[in-house]
Amino acid sequence: MSYTVKAKRWRNGWELHIEGEGVTQARSLLAAEQAVRDYLATLHDVDEVTDEITVVPDVDEQTKARISRLKRRQTKVDEQVRAVAAEARQVVGDLRRSGLSVSDVAVLLNISRGRVSQLDTAARA
């Protein structure tokens, strides 16, 4: 089973409206899922609730749009970081195989010798 929980902001945290079950509270969104699990376990007299819990914060449309835009941008940045890391491993591996020392590669790429060693090890793997 799965539960969709609408989280509504209030003075002391968040009201958690559990579809078809009731309402509980949490001080933060971070604590919301566990609060719902605890509430449901008590309500149904079980030791543990392992069902899927989806907490949906109730925020205005402008905020939702801003969050969505930010998440899309963050995904693109993460992809670029992975691509740069792969390229760095390749370049370091190539430079080291060409006979350059760790120190020389560090100077060329403006990174620490330790980072060169990490990238070189990863390039060999």
PDB file of N, CA and C in Angstrom:
ATOM      1  N   MET A   1       0.840  -1.173   0.000  1.00  0.00           N
ATOM      2  CA  MET A   1       0.000   0.000   0.000  1.00  0.00           C
ATOM      3  C   MET A   1       0.890   1.242   0.000  1.00  0.00           C
ATOM      4  N   SER A   2       0.365   2.343  -0.451  1.00  0.00           N
ATOM      5  CA  SER A   2       1.107   3.606  -0.421  1.00  0.00           C
ATOM      6  C   SER A   2       0.195   4.706   0.106  1.00  0.00           C
ATOM      7  N   TYR A   3       0.819   5.712   0.683  1.00  0.00           N
ATOM      8  CA  TYR A   3       0.085   6.835   1.252  1.00  0.00           C
ATOM      9  C   TYR A   3       0.591   8.139   0.664  1.00  0.00           C
ATOM     10  N   THR A   4      -0.332   9.001   0.291  1.00  0.00           N
ATOM     11  CA  THR A   4       0.011  10.352  -0.123  1.00  0.00           C
ATOM     12  C   THR A   4      -0.343  11.278   1.025  1.00  0.00           C
ATOM     13  N   VAL A   5       0.616  12.078   1.424  1.00  0.00           N
ATOM     14  CA  VAL A   5       0.458  12.947   2.584  1.00  0.00           C
ATOM     15  C   VAL A   5       0.618  14.387   2.140  1.00  0.00           C
ATOM     16  N   LYS A   6      -0.382  15.198   2.387  1.00  0.00           N
ATOM     17  CA  LYS A   6      -0.298  16.624   2.074  1.00  0.00           C
ATOM     18  C   LYS A   6       0.227  17.332   3.326  1.00  0.00           C
ATOM     19  N   ALA A   7       1.364  17.982   3.185  1.00  0.00           N
ATOM     20  CA  ALA A   7       1.984  18.694   4.298  1.00  0.00           C
ATOM     21  C   ALA A   7       1.621  20.173   4.206  1.00  0.00           C
ATOM     22  N   LYS A   8       0.942  20.664   5.240  1.00  0.00           N
ATOM     23  CA  LYS A   8       0.529  22.069   5.282  1.00  0.00           C
ATOM     24  C   LYS A   8       1.294  22.778   6.394  1.00  0.00           C
ATOM     25  N   ARG A   9       1.920  23.873   6.027  1.00  0.00           N
ATOM     26  CA  ARG A   9       2.721  24.655   6.975  1.00  0.00           C
ATOM     27  C   ARG A   9       1.826  25.283   8.017  1.00  0.00           C
ATOM     28  N   TRP A  10       2.293  25.280   9.260  1.00  0.00           N
ATOM     29  CA  TRP A  10       1.621  25.999  10.337  1.00  0.00           C
ATOM     30  C   TRP A  10       2.684  26.517  11.285  1.00  0.00           C
ATOM     31  N   ARG A  11       2.298  27.268  12.258  1.00  0.00           N
ATOM     32  CA  ARG A  11       3.216  27.988  13.147  1.00  0.00           C
ATOM     33  C   ARG A  11       4.307  27.109  13.746  1.00  0.00           C
ATOM     34  N   ASN A  12       3.996  25.896  14.125  1.00  0.00           N
ATOM     35  CA  ASN A  12       4.962  25.025  14.808  1.00  0.00           C
ATOM     36  C   ASN A  12       5.540  23.918  13.931  1.00  0.00           C
ATOM     37  N   GLY A  13       5.341  24.011  12.643  1.00  0.00           N
ATOM     38  CA  GLY A  13       5.885  22.991  11.767  1.00  0.00           C
ATOM     39  C   GLY A  13       4.944  22.679  10.619  1.00  0.00           C
ATOM     40  N   TRP A  14       4.595  21.398  10.481  1.00  0.00           N
ATOM     41  CA  TRP A  14       3.780  20.941   9.362  1.00  0.00           C
ATOM     42  C   TRP A  14       2.665  20.033   9.857  1.00  0.00           C
ATOM     43  N   GLU A  15       1.461  20.291   9.375  1.00  0.00           N
ATOM     44  CA  GLU A  15       0.350  19.361   9.560  1.00  0.00           C
ATOM     45  C   GLU A  15       0.449  18.359   8.432  1.00  0.00           C
ATOM     46  N   LEU A  16       0.298  17.089   8.769  1.00  0.00           N
ATOM     47  CA  LEU A  16       0.447  16.023   7.774  1.00  0.00           C
ATOM     48  C   LEU A  16      -0.900  15.342   7.598  1.00  0.00           C
ATOM     49  N   HIS A  17      -1.548  15.639   6.499  1.00  0.00           N
ATOM     50  CA  HIS A  17      -2.868  15.105   6.182  1.00  0.00           C
ATOM     51  C   HIS A  17      -2.682  13.827   5.376  1.00  0.00           C
ATOM     52  N   ILE A  18      -2.956  12.701   6.022  1.00  0.00           N
ATOM     53  CA  ILE A  18      -2.735  11.396   5.412  1.00  0.00           C
ATOM     54  C   ILE A  18      -4.039  10.950   4.768  1.00  0.00           C
ATOM     55  N   GLU A  19      -4.000  10.826   3.469  1.00  0.00           N
ATOM     56  CA  GLU A  19      -5.200  10.490   2.698  1.00  0.00           C
ATOM     57  C   GLU A  19      -5.886   9.240   3.246  1.00  0.00           C
ATOM     58  N   GLY A  20      -7.137   9.395   3.669  1.00  0.00           N
ATOM     59  CA  GLY A  20      -7.930   8.278   4.153  1.00  0.00           C
ATOM     60  C   GLY A  20      -7.608   7.800   5.553  1.00  0.00           C
ATOM     61  N   GLU A  21      -6.693   8.479   6.262  1.00  0.00           N
ATOM     62  CA  GLU A  21      -6.267   7.999   7.586  1.00  0.00           C
ATOM     63  C   GLU A  21      -6.428   9.028   8.695  1.00  0.00           C
ATOM     64  N   GLY A  22      -6.056  10.261   8.446  1.00  0.00           N
ATOM     65  CA  GLY A  22      -6.132  11.267   9.496  1.00  0.00           C
ATOM     66  C   GLY A  22      -5.023  12.286   9.365  1.00  0.00           C
ATOM     67  N   VAL A  23      -4.756  12.965  10.475  1.00  0.00           N
ATOM     68  CA  VAL A  23      -3.791  14.060  10.487  1.00  0.00           C
ATOM     69  C   VAL A  23      -2.839  13.883  11.669  1.00  0.00           C
ATOM     70  N   THR A  24      -1.544  14.137  11.400  1.00  0.00           N
ATOM     71  CA  THR A  24      -0.554  14.195  12.464  1.00  0.00           C
ATOM     72  C   THR A  24       0.321  15.414  12.200  1.00  0.00           C
ATOM     73  N   GLN A  25       1.391  15.573  12.959  1.00  0.00           N
ATOM     74  CA  GLN A  25       2.235  16.762  12.828  1.00  0.00           C
ATOM     75  C   GLN A  25       3.709  16.392  12.874  1.00  0.00           C
ATOM     76  N   ALA A  26       4.517  17.276  12.307  1.00  0.00           N
ATOM     77  CA  ALA A  26       5.972  17.165  12.405  1.00  0.00           C
ATOM     78  C   ALA A  26       6.552  18.565  12.429  1.00  0.00           C
ATOM     79  N   ARG A  27       7.667  18.717  13.100  1.00  0.00           N
ATOM     80  CA  ARG A  27       8.312  20.041  13.160  1.00  0.00           C
ATOM     81  C   ARG A  27       8.961  20.421  11.842  1.00  0.00           C
ATOM     82  N   SER A  28       9.387  19.418  11.068  1.00  0.00           N
ATOM     83  CA  SER A  28      10.071  19.708   9.808  1.00  0.00           C
ATOM     84  C   SER A  28       9.646  18.704   8.745  1.00  0.00           C
ATOM     85  N   LEU A  29       9.887  19.045   7.504  1.00  0.00           N
ATOM     86  CA  LEU A  29       9.627  18.101   6.414  1.00  0.00           C
ATOM     87  C   LEU A  29      10.555  16.893   6.512  1.00  0.00           C
ATOM     88  N   LEU A  30      11.740  17.109   7.039  1.00  0.00           N
ATOM     89  CA  LEU A  30      12.684  16.011   7.214  1.00  0.00           C
ATOM     90  C   LEU A  30      12.107  14.936   8.131  1.00  0.00           C
ATOM     91  N   ALA A  31      11.366  15.349   9.136  1.00  0.00           N
ATOM     92  CA  ALA A  31      10.786  14.413  10.103  1.00  0.00           C
ATOM     93  C   ALA A  31       9.404  13.917   9.697  1.00  0.00           C
ATOM     94  N   ALA A  32       8.861  14.428   8.609  1.00  0.00           N
ATOM     95  CA  ALA A  32       7.474  14.151   8.241  1.00  0.00           C
ATOM     96  C   ALA A  32       7.219  12.671   7.961  1.00  0.00           C
ATOM     97  N   GLU A  33       8.058  12.046   7.159  1.00  0.00           N
ATOM     98  CA  GLU A  33       7.809  10.650   6.798  1.00  0.00           C
ATOM     99  C   GLU A  33       7.785   9.757   8.033  1.00  0.00           C
ATOM    100  N   GLN A  34       8.748   9.943   8.928  1.00  0.00           N
ATOM    101  CA  GLN A  34       8.785   9.107  10.128  1.00  0.00           C
ATOM    102  C   GLN A  34       7.579   9.384  11.018  1.00  0.00           C
ATOM    103  N   ALA A  35       7.149  10.642  11.092  1.00  0.00           N
ATOM    104  CA  ALA A  35       5.958  10.978  11.882  1.00  0.00           C
ATOM    105  C   ALA A  35       4.738  10.260  11.329  1.00  0.00           C
ATOM    106  N   VAL A  36       4.621  10.194  10.012  1.00  0.00           N
ATOM    107  CA  VAL A  36       3.505   9.498   9.382  1.00  0.00           C
ATOM    108  C   VAL A  36       3.593   8.002   9.682  1.00  0.00           C
ATOM    109  N   ARG A  37       4.779   7.431   9.567  1.00  0.00           N
ATOM    110  CA  ARG A  37       4.950   6.007   9.861  1.00  0.00           C
ATOM    111  C   ARG A  37       4.557   5.696  11.309  1.00  0.00           C
ATOM    112  N   ASP A  38       5.014   6.535  12.231  1.00  0.00           N
ATOM    113  CA  ASP A  38       4.683   6.330  13.639  1.00  0.00           C
ATOM    114  C   ASP A  38       3.176   6.448  13.873  1.00  0.00           C
ATOM    115  N   TYR A  39       2.566   7.440  13.261  1.00  0.00           N
ATOM    116  CA  TYR A  39       1.123   7.648  13.397  1.00  0.00           C
ATOM    117  C   TYR A  39       0.349   6.433  12.877  1.00  0.00           C
ATOM    118  N   LEU A  40       0.715   5.976  11.685  1.00  0.00           N
ATOM    119  CA  LEU A  40       0.020   4.835  11.089  1.00  0.00           C
ATOM    120  C   LEU A  40       0.227   3.564  11.905  1.00  0.00           C
ATOM    121  N   ALA A  41       1.434   3.359  12.427  1.00  0.00           N
ATOM    122  CA  ALA A  41       1.702   2.180  13.253  1.00  0.00           C
ATOM    123  C   ALA A  41       0.827   2.198  14.497  1.00  0.00           C
ATOM    124  N   THR A  42       0.695   3.359  15.116  1.00  0.00           N
ATOM    125  CA  THR A  42      -0.160   3.484  16.298  1.00  0.00           C
ATOM    126  C   THR A  42      -1.624   3.282  15.926  1.00  0.00           C
ATOM    127  N   LEU A  43      -2.052   3.918  14.856  1.00  0.00           N
ATOM    128  CA  LEU A  43      -3.438   3.842  14.418  1.00  0.00           C
ATOM    129  C   LEU A  43      -3.861   2.400  14.104  1.00  0.00           C
ATOM    130  N   HIS A  44      -2.958   1.653  13.459  1.00  0.00           N
ATOM    131  CA  HIS A  44      -3.284   0.292  13.033  1.00  0.00           C
ATOM    132  C   HIS A  44      -2.733  -0.786  13.971  1.00  0.00           C
ATOM    133  N   ASP A  45      -2.156  -0.345  15.098  1.00  0.00           N
ATOM    134  CA  ASP A  45      -1.632  -1.243  16.119  1.00  0.00           C
ATOM    135  C   ASP A  45      -0.662  -2.269  15.532  1.00  0.00           C
ATOM    136  N   VAL A  46       0.333  -1.755  14.799  1.00  0.00           N
ATOM    137  CA  VAL A  46       1.389  -2.597  14.237  1.00  0.00           C
ATOM    138  C   VAL A  46       2.736  -2.059  14.710  1.00  0.00           C
ATOM    139  N   ASP A  47       3.761  -2.906  14.637  1.00  0.00           N
ATOM    140  CA  ASP A  47       5.096  -2.494  15.087  1.00  0.00           C
ATOM    141  C   ASP A  47       5.768  -1.530  14.122  1.00  0.00           C
ATOM    142  N   GLU A  48       5.505  -1.747  12.830  1.00  0.00           N
ATOM    143  CA  GLU A  48       6.236  -0.978  11.821  1.00  0.00           C
ATOM    144  C   GLU A  48       5.382  -0.821  10.566  1.00  0.00           C
ATOM    145  N   VAL A  49       5.515   0.328   9.927  1.00  0.00           N
ATOM    146  CA  VAL A  49       4.843   0.580   8.654  1.00  0.00           C
ATOM    147  C   VAL A  49       5.923   0.692   7.585  1.00  0.00           C
ATOM    148  N   THR A  50       5.882  -0.205   6.604  1.00  0.00           N
ATOM    149  CA  THR A  50       6.897  -0.208   5.553  1.00  0.00           C
ATOM    150  C   THR A  50       6.333   0.248   4.209  1.00  0.00           C
ATOM    151  N   ASP A  51       5.078   0.692   4.213  1.00  0.00           N
ATOM    152  CA  ASP A  51       4.440   1.142   2.980  1.00  0.00           C
ATOM    153  C   ASP A  51       5.130   2.391   2.444  1.00  0.00           C
ATOM    154  N   GLU A  52       4.916   2.653   1.169  1.00  0.00           N
ATOM    155  CA  GLU A  52       5.469   3.845   0.534  1.00  0.00           C
ATOM    156  C   GLU A  52       4.727   5.077   1.050  1.00  0.00           C
ATOM    157  N   ILE A  53       5.497   6.081   1.459  1.00  0.00           N
ATOM    158  CA  ILE A  53       4.950   7.342   1.956  1.00  0.00           C
ATOM    159  C   ILE A  53       5.446   8.452   1.039  1.00  0.00           C
ATOM    160  N   THR A  54       4.523   9.207   0.459  1.00  0.00           N
ATOM    161  CA  THR A  54       4.892  10.350  -0.375  1.00  0.00           C
ATOM    162  C   THR A  54       4.370  11.607   0.291  1.00  0.00           C
ATOM    163  N   VAL A  55       5.291  12.447   0.736  1.00  0.00           N
ATOM    164  CA  VAL A  55       4.926  13.710   1.383  1.00  0.00           C
ATOM    165  C   VAL A  55       4.954  14.804   0.327  1.00  0.00           C
ATOM    166  N   VAL A  56       3.831  15.498   0.181  1.00  0.00           N
ATOM    167  CA  VAL A  56       3.697  16.562  -0.815  1.00  0.00           C
ATOM    168  C   VAL A  56       3.472  17.876  -0.081  1.00  0.00           C
ATOM    169  N   PRO A  57       4.511  18.707   0.006  1.00  0.00           N
ATOM    170  CA  PRO A  57       4.339  19.999   0.686  1.00  0.00           C
ATOM    171  C   PRO A  57       3.357  20.893  -0.066  1.00  0.00           C
ATOM    172  N   ASP A  58       2.491  21.524   0.669  1.00  0.00           N
ATOM    173  CA  ASP A  58       1.489  22.424   0.109  1.00  0.00           C
ATOM    174  C   ASP A  58       2.113  23.817  -0.011  1.00  0.00           C
ATOM    175  N   VAL A  59       2.614  24.114  -1.209  1.00  0.00           N
ATOM    176  CA  VAL A  59       3.211  25.430  -1.461  1.00  0.00           C
ATOM    177  C   VAL A  59       2.519  26.059  -2.662  1.00  0.00           C
ATOM    178  N   ASP A  60       2.620  27.371  -2.782  1.00  0.00           N
ATOM    179  CA  ASP A  60       1.934  28.064  -3.872  1.00  0.00           C
ATOM    180  C   ASP A  60       2.553  27.708  -5.227  1.00  0.00           C
ATOM    181  N   GLU A  61       1.802  27.988  -6.284  1.00  0.00           N
ATOM    182  CA  GLU A  61       2.217  27.602  -7.642  1.00  0.00           C
ATOM    183  C   GLU A  61       3.535  28.243  -8.052  1.00  0.00           C
ATOM    184  N   GLN A  62       3.752  29.486  -7.667  1.00  0.00           N
ATOM    185  CA  GLN A  62       5.008  30.164  -8.019  1.00  0.00           C
ATOM    186  C   GLN A  62       6.195  29.445  -7.370  1.00  0.00           C
ATOM    187  N   THR A  63       6.032  29.069  -6.126  1.00  0.00           N
ATOM    188  CA  THR A  63       7.102  28.358  -5.428  1.00  0.00           C
ATOM    189  C   THR A  63       7.333  26.994  -6.059  1.00  0.00           C
ATOM    190  N   LYS A  64       6.265  26.280  -6.397  1.00  0.00           N
ATOM    191  CA  LYS A  64       6.399  24.984  -7.071  1.00  0.00           C
ATOM    192  C   LYS A  64       7.181  25.136  -8.373  1.00  0.00           C
ATOM    193  N   ALA A  65       6.854  26.174  -9.134  1.00  0.00           N
ATOM    194  CA  ALA A  65       7.533  26.403 -10.414  1.00  0.00           C
ATOM    195  C   ALA A  65       9.015  26.707 -10.193  1.00  0.00           C
ATOM    196  N   ARG A  66       9.308  27.511  -9.188  1.00  0.00           N
ATOM    197  CA  ARG A  66      10.702  27.849  -8.898  1.00  0.00           C
ATOM    198  C   ARG A  66      11.493  26.615  -8.467  1.00  0.00           C
ATOM    199  N   ILE A  67      10.879  25.795  -7.625  1.00  0.00           N
ATOM    200  CA  ILE A  67      11.535  24.571  -7.165  1.00  0.00           C
ATOM    201  C   ILE A  67      11.774  23.637  -8.341  1.00  0.00           C
ATOM    202  N   SER A  68      10.777  23.472  -9.194  1.00  0.00           N
ATOM    203  CA  SER A  68      10.897  22.608 -10.362  1.00  0.00           C
ATOM    204  C   SER A  68      12.018  23.086 -11.283  1.00  0.00           C
ATOM    205  N   ARG A  69      12.060  24.391 -11.527  1.00  0.00           N
ATOM    206  CA  ARG A  69      13.101  24.973 -12.383  1.00  0.00           C
ATOM    207  C   ARG A  69      14.483  24.735 -11.762  1.00  0.00           C
ATOM    208  N   LEU A  70      14.596  24.938 -10.471  1.00  0.00           N
ATOM    209  CA  LEU A  70      15.867  24.734  -9.787  1.00  0.00           C
ATOM    210  C   LEU A  70      16.311  23.275  -9.879  1.00  0.00           C
ATOM    211  N   LYS A  71      15.382  22.347  -9.678  1.00  0.00           N
ATOM    212  CA  LYS A  71      15.724  20.925  -9.753  1.00  0.00           C
ATOM    213  C   LYS A  71      16.191  20.540 -11.151  1.00  0.00           C
ATOM    214  N   ARG A  72      15.540  21.081 -12.178  1.00  0.00           N
ATOM    215  CA  ARG A  72      15.975  20.794 -13.562  1.00  0.00           C
ATOM    216  C   ARG A  72      17.386  21.325 -13.794  1.00  0.00           C
ATOM    217  N   ARG A  73      17.638  22.528 -13.319  1.00  0.00           N
ATOM    218  CA  ARG A  73      18.975  23.110 -13.481  1.00  0.00           C
ATOM    219  C   ARG A  73      20.011  22.289 -12.718  1.00  0.00           C
ATOM    220  N   GLN A  74      19.649  21.839 -11.505  1.00  0.00           N
ATOM    221  CA  GLN A  74      20.581  21.055 -10.699  1.00  0.00           C
ATOM    222  C   GLN A  74      20.898  19.733 -11.381  1.00  0.00           C
ATOM    223  N   THR A  75      19.905  19.123 -12.005  1.00  0.00           N
ATOM    224  CA  THR A  75      20.127  17.876 -12.743  1.00  0.00           C
ATOM    225  C   THR A  75      21.125  18.097 -13.873  1.00  0.00           C
ATOM    226  N   LYS A  76      20.961  19.213 -14.600  1.00  0.00           N
ATOM    227  CA  LYS A  76      21.898  19.530 -15.691  1.00  0.00           C
ATOM    228  C   LYS A  76      23.311  19.740 -15.158  1.00  0.00           C
ATOM    229  N   VAL A  77      23.426  20.447 -14.040  1.00  0.00           N
ATOM    230  CA  VAL A  77      24.735  20.683 -13.439  1.00  0.00           C
ATOM    231  C   VAL A  77      25.362  19.363 -13.010  1.00  0.00           C
ATOM    232  N   ASP A  78      24.579  18.495 -12.381  1.00  0.00           N
ATOM    233  CA  ASP A  78      25.097  17.193 -11.962  1.00  0.00           C
ATOM    234  C   ASP A  78      25.608  16.397 -13.150  1.00  0.00           C
ATOM    235  N   GLU A  79      24.885  16.432 -14.266  1.00  0.00           N
ATOM    236  CA  GLU A  79      25.322  15.737 -15.473  1.00  0.00           C
ATOM    237  C   GLU A  79      26.636  16.321 -15.980  1.00  0.00           C
ATOM    238  N   GLN A  80      26.754  17.649 -15.943  1.00  0.00           N
ATOM    239  CA  GLN A  80      27.987  18.294 -16.391  1.00  0.00           C
ATOM    240  C   GLN A  80      29.155  17.939 -15.474  1.00  0.00           C
ATOM    241  N   VAL A  81      28.909  17.888 -14.183  1.00  0.00           N
ATOM    242  CA  VAL A  81      29.962  17.526 -13.232  1.00  0.00           C
ATOM    243  C   VAL A  81      30.454  16.110 -13.510  1.00  0.00           C
ATOM    244  N   ARG A  82      29.528  15.178 -13.758  1.00  0.00           N
ATOM    245  CA  ARG A  82      29.933  13.800 -14.074  1.00  0.00           C
ATOM    246  C   ARG A  82      30.752  13.756 -15.365  1.00  0.00           C
ATOM    247  N   ALA A  83      30.346  14.541 -16.360  1.00  0.00           N
ATOM    248  CA  ALA A  83      31.080  14.565 -17.638  1.00  0.00           C
ATOM    249  C   ALA A  83      32.476  15.146 -17.444  1.00  0.00           C
ATOM    250  N   VAL A  84      32.582  16.215 -16.666  1.00  0.00           N
ATOM    251  CA  VAL A  84      33.890  16.823 -16.406  1.00  0.00           C
ATOM    252  C   VAL A  84      34.774  15.849 -15.626  1.00  0.00           C
ATOM    253  N   ALA A  85      34.200  15.154 -14.659  1.00  0.00           N
ATOM    254  CA  ALA A  85      34.978  14.186 -13.881  1.00  0.00           C
ATOM    255  C   ALA A  85      35.509  13.069 -14.778  1.00  0.00           C
ATOM    256  N   ALA A  86      34.671  12.577 -15.683  1.00  0.00           N
ATOM    257  CA  ALA A  86      35.110  11.534 -16.610  1.00  0.00           C
ATOM    258  C   ALA A  86      36.228  12.046 -17.509  1.00  0.00           C
ATOM    259  N   GLU A  87      36.076  13.270 -17.981  1.00  0.00           N
ATOM    260  CA  GLU A  87      37.117  13.854 -18.829  1.00  0.00           C
ATOM    261  C   GLU A  87      38.407  14.052 -18.048  1.00  0.00           C
ATOM    262  N   ALA A  88      38.297  14.485 -16.806  1.00  0.00           N
ATOM    263  CA  ALA A  88      39.486  14.685 -15.972  1.00  0.00           C
ATOM    264  C   ALA A  88      40.219  13.364 -15.763  1.00  0.00           C
ATOM    265  N   ARG A  89      39.475  12.299 -15.507  1.00  0.00           N
ATOM    266  CA  ARG A  89      40.117  10.981 -15.354  1.00  0.00           C
ATOM    267  C   ARG A  89      40.852  10.588 -16.634  1.00  0.00           C
ATOM    268  N   GLN A  90      40.209  10.827 -17.760  1.00  0.00           N
ATOM    269  CA  GLN A  90      40.813  10.481 -19.046  1.00  0.00           C
ATOM    270  C   GLN A  90      42.083  11.291 -19.307  1.00  0.00           C
ATOM    271  N   VAL A  91      42.006  12.595 -19.091  1.00  0.00           N
ATOM    272  CA  VAL A  91      43.160  13.466 -19.345  1.00  0.00           C
ATOM    273  C   VAL A  91      44.314  13.113 -18.409  1.00  0.00           C
ATOM    274  N   VAL A  92      44.009  12.945 -17.125  1.00  0.00           N
ATOM    275  CA  VAL A  92      45.069  12.589 -16.177  1.00  0.00           C
ATOM    276  C   VAL A  92      45.689  11.244 -16.567  1.00  0.00           C
ATOM    277  N   GLY A  93      44.862  10.272 -16.889  1.00  0.00           N
ATOM    278  CA  GLY A  93      45.391   8.967 -17.297  1.00  0.00           C
ATOM    279  C   GLY A  93      46.283   9.079 -18.521  1.00  0.00           C
ATOM    280  N   ASP A  94      45.842   9.845 -19.499  1.00  0.00           N
ATOM    281  CA  ASP A  94      46.635  10.027 -20.721  1.00  0.00           C
ATOM    282  C   ASP A  94      47.966  10.718 -20.424  1.00  0.00           C
ATOM    283  N   LEU A  95      47.908  11.768 -19.601  1.00  0.00           N
ATOM    284  CA  LEU A  95      49.142  12.502 -19.273  1.00  0.00           C
ATOM    285  C   LEU A  95      50.119  11.628 -18.498  1.00  0.00           C
ATOM    286  N   ARG A  96      49.605  10.849 -17.556  1.00  0.00           N
ATOM    287  CA  ARG A  96      50.482   9.974 -16.777  1.00  0.00           C
ATOM    288  C   ARG A  96      51.078   8.880 -17.665  1.00  0.00           C
ATOM    289  N   ARG A  97      50.265   8.328 -18.564  1.00  0.00           N
ATOM    290  CA  ARG A  97      50.784   7.280 -19.473  1.00  0.00           C
ATOM    291  C   ARG A  97      51.818   7.850 -20.442  1.00  0.00           C
ATOM    292  N   SER A  98      51.711   9.149 -20.715  1.00  0.00           N
ATOM    293  CA  SER A  98      52.693   9.758 -21.616  1.00  0.00           C
ATOM    294  C   SER A  98      54.020  10.025 -20.908  1.00  0.00           C
ATOM    295  N   GLY A  99      54.057   9.742 -19.602  1.00  0.00           N
ATOM    296  CA  GLY A  99      55.316   9.868 -18.875  1.00  0.00           C
ATOM    297  C   GLY A  99      55.422  11.067 -17.951  1.00  0.00           C
ATOM    298  N   LEU A 100      54.406  11.890 -17.892  1.00  0.00           N
ATOM    299  CA  LEU A 100      54.469  13.042 -16.989  1.00  0.00           C
ATOM    300  C   LEU A 100      54.318  12.600 -15.536  1.00  0.00           C
ATOM    301  N   SER A 101      55.029  13.310 -14.674  1.00  0.00           N
ATOM    302  CA  SER A 101      54.960  13.001 -13.245  1.00  0.00           C
ATOM    303  C   SER A 101      53.648  13.520 -12.654  1.00  0.00           C
ATOM    304  N   VAL A 102      53.326  13.015 -11.476  1.00  0.00           N
ATOM    305  CA  VAL A 102      52.140  13.490 -10.756  1.00  0.00           C
ATOM    306  C   VAL A 102      52.249  14.996 -10.533  1.00  0.00           C
ATOM    307  N   SER A 103      53.430  15.471 -10.154  1.00  0.00           N
ATOM    308  CA  SER A 103      53.631  16.905  -9.908  1.00  0.00           C
ATOM    309  C   SER A 103      53.412  17.735 -11.169  1.00  0.00           C
ATOM    310  N   ASP A 104      53.921  17.257 -12.303  1.00  0.00           N
ATOM    311  CA  ASP A 104      53.746  17.995 -13.554  1.00  0.00           C
ATOM    312  C   ASP A 104      52.278  18.053 -13.964  1.00  0.00           C
ATOM    313  N   VAL A 105      51.562  16.937 -13.816  1.00  0.00           N
ATOM    314  CA  VAL A 105      50.142  16.921 -14.156  1.00  0.00           C
ATOM    315  C   VAL A 105      49.377  17.867 -13.233  1.00  0.00           C
ATOM    316  N   ALA A 106      49.737  17.879 -11.956  1.00  0.00           N
ATOM    317  CA  ALA A 106      49.077  18.769 -10.994  1.00  0.00           C
ATOM    318  C   ALA A 106      49.230  20.225 -11.405  1.00  0.00           C
ATOM    319  N   VAL A 107      50.432  20.598 -11.833  1.00  0.00           N
ATOM    320  CA  VAL A 107      50.667  21.984 -12.260  1.00  0.00           C
ATOM    321  C   VAL A 107      49.880  22.278 -13.537  1.00  0.00           C
ATOM    322  N   LEU A 108      49.904  21.376 -14.487  1.00  0.00           N
ATOM    323  CA  LEU A 108      49.192  21.591 -15.749  1.00  0.00           C
ATOM    324  C   LEU A 108      47.685  21.784 -15.539  1.00  0.00           C
ATOM    325  N   LEU A 109      47.108  21.011 -14.623  1.00  0.00           N
ATOM    326  CA  LEU A 109      45.656  21.056 -14.421  1.00  0.00           C
ATOM    327  C   LEU A 109      45.234  21.925 -13.237  1.00  0.00           C
ATOM    328  N   ASN A 110      46.232  22.478 -12.545  1.00  0.00           N
ATOM    329  CA  ASN A 110      45.951  23.343 -11.393  1.00  0.00           C
ATOM    330  C   ASN A 110      45.114  22.619 -10.328  1.00  0.00           C
ATOM    331  N   ILE A 111      45.539  21.388 -10.040  1.00  0.00           N
ATOM    332  CA  ILE A 111      44.911  20.602  -8.988  1.00  0.00           C
ATOM    333  C   ILE A 111      46.011  20.039  -8.092  1.00  0.00           C
ATOM    334  N   SER A 112      45.641  19.481  -6.964  1.00  0.00           N
ATOM    335  CA  SER A 112      46.651  18.954  -6.044  1.00  0.00           C
ATOM    336  C   SER A 112      47.230  17.643  -6.563  1.00  0.00           C
ATOM    337  N   ARG A 113      48.415  17.322  -6.068  1.00  0.00           N
ATOM    338  CA  ARG A 113      49.035  16.048  -6.434  1.00  0.00           C
ATOM    339  C   ARG A 113      48.179  14.881  -5.957  1.00  0.00           C
ATOM    340  N   GLY A 114      47.572  15.048  -4.793  1.00  0.00           N
ATOM    341  CA  GLY A 114      46.692  14.000  -4.282  1.00  0.00           C
ATOM    342  C   GLY A 114      45.510  13.750  -5.209  1.00  0.00           C
ATOM    343  N   ARG A 115      44.946  14.847  -5.739  1.00  0.00           N
ATOM    344  CA  ARG A 115      43.814  14.701  -6.665  1.00  0.00           C
ATOM    345  C   ARG A 115      44.262  14.018  -7.952  1.00  0.00           C
ATOM    346  N   VAL A 116      45.474  14.342  -8.419  1.00  0.00           N
ATOM    347  CA  VAL A 116      46.015  13.675  -9.611  1.00  0.00           C
ATOM    348  C   VAL A 116      46.106  12.178  -9.348  1.00  0.00           C
ATOM    349  N   SER A 117      46.609  11.800  -8.192  1.00  0.00           N
ATOM    350  CA  SER A 117      46.735  10.379  -7.854  1.00  0.00           C
ATOM    351  C   SER A 117      45.366   9.701  -7.819  1.00  0.00           C
ATOM    352  N   GLN A 118      44.369  10.382  -7.238  1.00  0.00           N
ATOM    353  CA  GLN A 118      43.012   9.821  -7.208  1.00  0.00           C
ATOM    354  C   GLN A 118      42.480   9.605  -8.618  1.00  0.00           C
ATOM    355  N   LEU A 119      42.619  10.621  -9.441  1.00  0.00           N
ATOM    356  CA  LEU A 119      42.102  10.533 -10.819  1.00  0.00           C
ATOM    357  C   LEU A 119      42.856   9.479 -11.622  1.00  0.00           C
ATOM    358  N   ASP A 120      44.154   9.379 -11.393  1.00  0.00           N
ATOM    359  CA  ASP A 120      44.952   8.398 -12.103  1.00  0.00           C
ATOM    360  C   ASP A 120      44.548   6.986 -11.702  1.00  0.00           C
ATOM    361  N   THR A 121      44.342   6.780 -10.415  1.00  0.00           N
ATOM    362  CA  THR A 121      43.888   5.468  -9.928  1.00  0.00           C
ATOM    363  C   THR A 121      42.534   5.116 -10.545  1.00  0.00           C
ATOM    364  N   ALA A 122      41.621   6.099 -10.581  1.00  0.00           N
ATOM    365  CA  ALA A 122      40.294   5.866 -11.159  1.00  0.00           C
ATOM    366  C   ALA A 122      40.382   5.596 -12.660  1.00  0.00           C
ATOM    367  N   ALA A 123      41.326   6.262 -13.333  1.00  0.00           N
ATOM    368  CA  ALA A 123      41.478   6.068 -14.778  1.00  0.00           C
ATOM    369  C   ALA A 123      41.970   4.659 -15.091  1.00  0.00           C
ATOM    370  N   ARG A 124      42.755   4.091 -14.221  1.00  0.00           N
ATOM    371  CA  ARG A 124      43.301   2.738 -14.437  1.00  0.00           C
ATOM    372  C   ARG A 124      42.250   1.664 -14.145  1.00  0.00           C
ATOM    373  N   ALA A 125      41.273   2.000 -13.335  1.00  0.00           N
ATOM    374  CA  ALA A 125      40.268   0.997 -12.922  1.00  0.00           C
ATOM    375  C   ALA A 125      39.304   0.658 -14.042  1.00  0.00           C
TER     376      ALA A 125
END
